[in-house]
């Protein structure tokens, strides 16, 4: 399962509109572009 990755910035108190409103999403990156495959990896443990 590959999930998207989010780049977020912490909101200032003035930007926050309520409880749990802490982050502003700046960019969403598809998981296919972010994560490496076992073939591309240089990690010896992942290649086992």
C-alpha atoms as a PDB file:
ATOM      1  CA  UNK A   1       0.000   0.000   0.000  1.00  0.00           C
ATOM      2  CA  UNK A   2       1.440   3.363  -1.030  1.00  0.00           C
ATOM      3  CA  UNK A   3       0.048   6.534   0.539  1.00  0.00           C
ATOM      4  CA  UNK A   4       0.385  10.141  -0.480  1.00  0.00           C
ATOM      5  CA  UNK A   5       2.786  12.315   1.509  1.00  0.00           C
ATOM      6  CA  UNK A   6       1.866  15.789   2.684  1.00  0.00           C
ATOM      7  CA  UNK A   7       4.078  18.815   3.208  1.00  0.00           C
ATOM      8  CA  UNK A   8       2.494  20.850   5.999  1.00  0.00           C
ATOM      9  CA  UNK A   9       3.192  24.082   7.831  1.00  0.00           C
ATOM     10  CA  UNK A  10       2.113  24.837  11.394  1.00  0.00           C
ATOM     11  CA  UNK A  11      -0.551  27.554  11.468  1.00  0.00           C
ATOM     12  CA  UNK A  12      -0.179  30.671  13.573  1.00  0.00           C
ATOM     13  CA  UNK A  13      -2.729  31.135  16.364  1.00  0.00           C
ATOM     14  CA  UNK A  14      -4.480  33.758  14.200  1.00  0.00           C
ATOM     15  CA  UNK A  15      -4.856  31.279  11.297  1.00  0.00           C
ATOM     16  CA  UNK A  16      -6.230  28.470  13.461  1.00  0.00           C
ATOM     17  CA  UNK A  17     -10.034  28.332  13.349  1.00  0.00           C
ATOM     18  CA  UNK A  18     -10.704  25.790  16.090  1.00  0.00           C
ATOM     19  CA  UNK A  19      -9.657  22.700  17.974  1.00  0.00           C
ATOM     20  CA  UNK A  20      -7.206  20.457  16.058  1.00  0.00           C
ATOM     21  CA  UNK A  21      -6.736  23.094  13.324  1.00  0.00           C
ATOM     22  CA  UNK A  22      -2.937  23.135  13.520  1.00  0.00           C
ATOM     23  CA  UNK A  23      -1.606  22.572  10.001  1.00  0.00           C
ATOM     24  CA  UNK A  24      -1.818  24.136   6.567  1.00  0.00           C
ATOM     25  CA  UNK A  25      -1.221  21.624   3.744  1.00  0.00           C
ATOM     26  CA  UNK A  26       1.262  23.169   1.313  1.00  0.00           C
ATOM     27  CA  UNK A  27       1.693  20.278  -1.093  1.00  0.00           C
ATOM     28  CA  UNK A  28       0.415  16.744  -1.670  1.00  0.00           C
ATOM     29  CA  UNK A  29       2.898  14.349  -3.257  1.00  0.00           C
ATOM     30  CA  UNK A  30       1.809  11.013  -4.754  1.00  0.00           C
ATOM     31  CA  UNK A  31       3.405   8.046  -2.992  1.00  0.00           C
ATOM     32  CA  UNK A  32       4.654   6.641  -6.301  1.00  0.00           C
ATOM     33  CA  UNK A  33       6.938   9.672  -6.646  1.00  0.00           C
ATOM     34  CA  UNK A  34       8.114   9.739  -3.020  1.00  0.00           C
ATOM     35  CA  UNK A  35       8.857   6.136  -2.095  1.00  0.00           C
ATOM     36  CA  UNK A  36      11.601   4.035  -3.660  1.00  0.00           C
ATOM     37  CA  UNK A  37      11.208   0.468  -4.907  1.00  0.00           C
ATOM     38  CA  UNK A  38      13.300  -2.445  -3.596  1.00  0.00           C
ATOM     39  CA  UNK A  39      15.171  -2.475  -6.909  1.00  0.00           C
ATOM     40  CA  UNK A  40      16.148   1.210  -6.533  1.00  0.00           C
ATOM     41  CA  UNK A  41      17.013   0.962  -2.835  1.00  0.00           C
ATOM     42  CA  UNK A  42      20.572   0.820  -1.546  1.00  0.00           C
ATOM     43  CA  UNK A  43      19.449  -0.636   1.804  1.00  0.00           C
ATOM     44  CA  UNK A  44      20.910  -4.159   2.212  1.00  0.00           C
ATOM     45  CA  UNK A  45      18.202  -5.173   4.707  1.00  0.00           C
ATOM     46  CA  UNK A  46      15.350  -4.341   2.296  1.00  0.00           C
ATOM     47  CA  UNK A  47      17.011  -6.378  -0.473  1.00  0.00           C
ATOM     48  CA  UNK A  48      16.957  -9.604   1.604  1.00  0.00           C
END
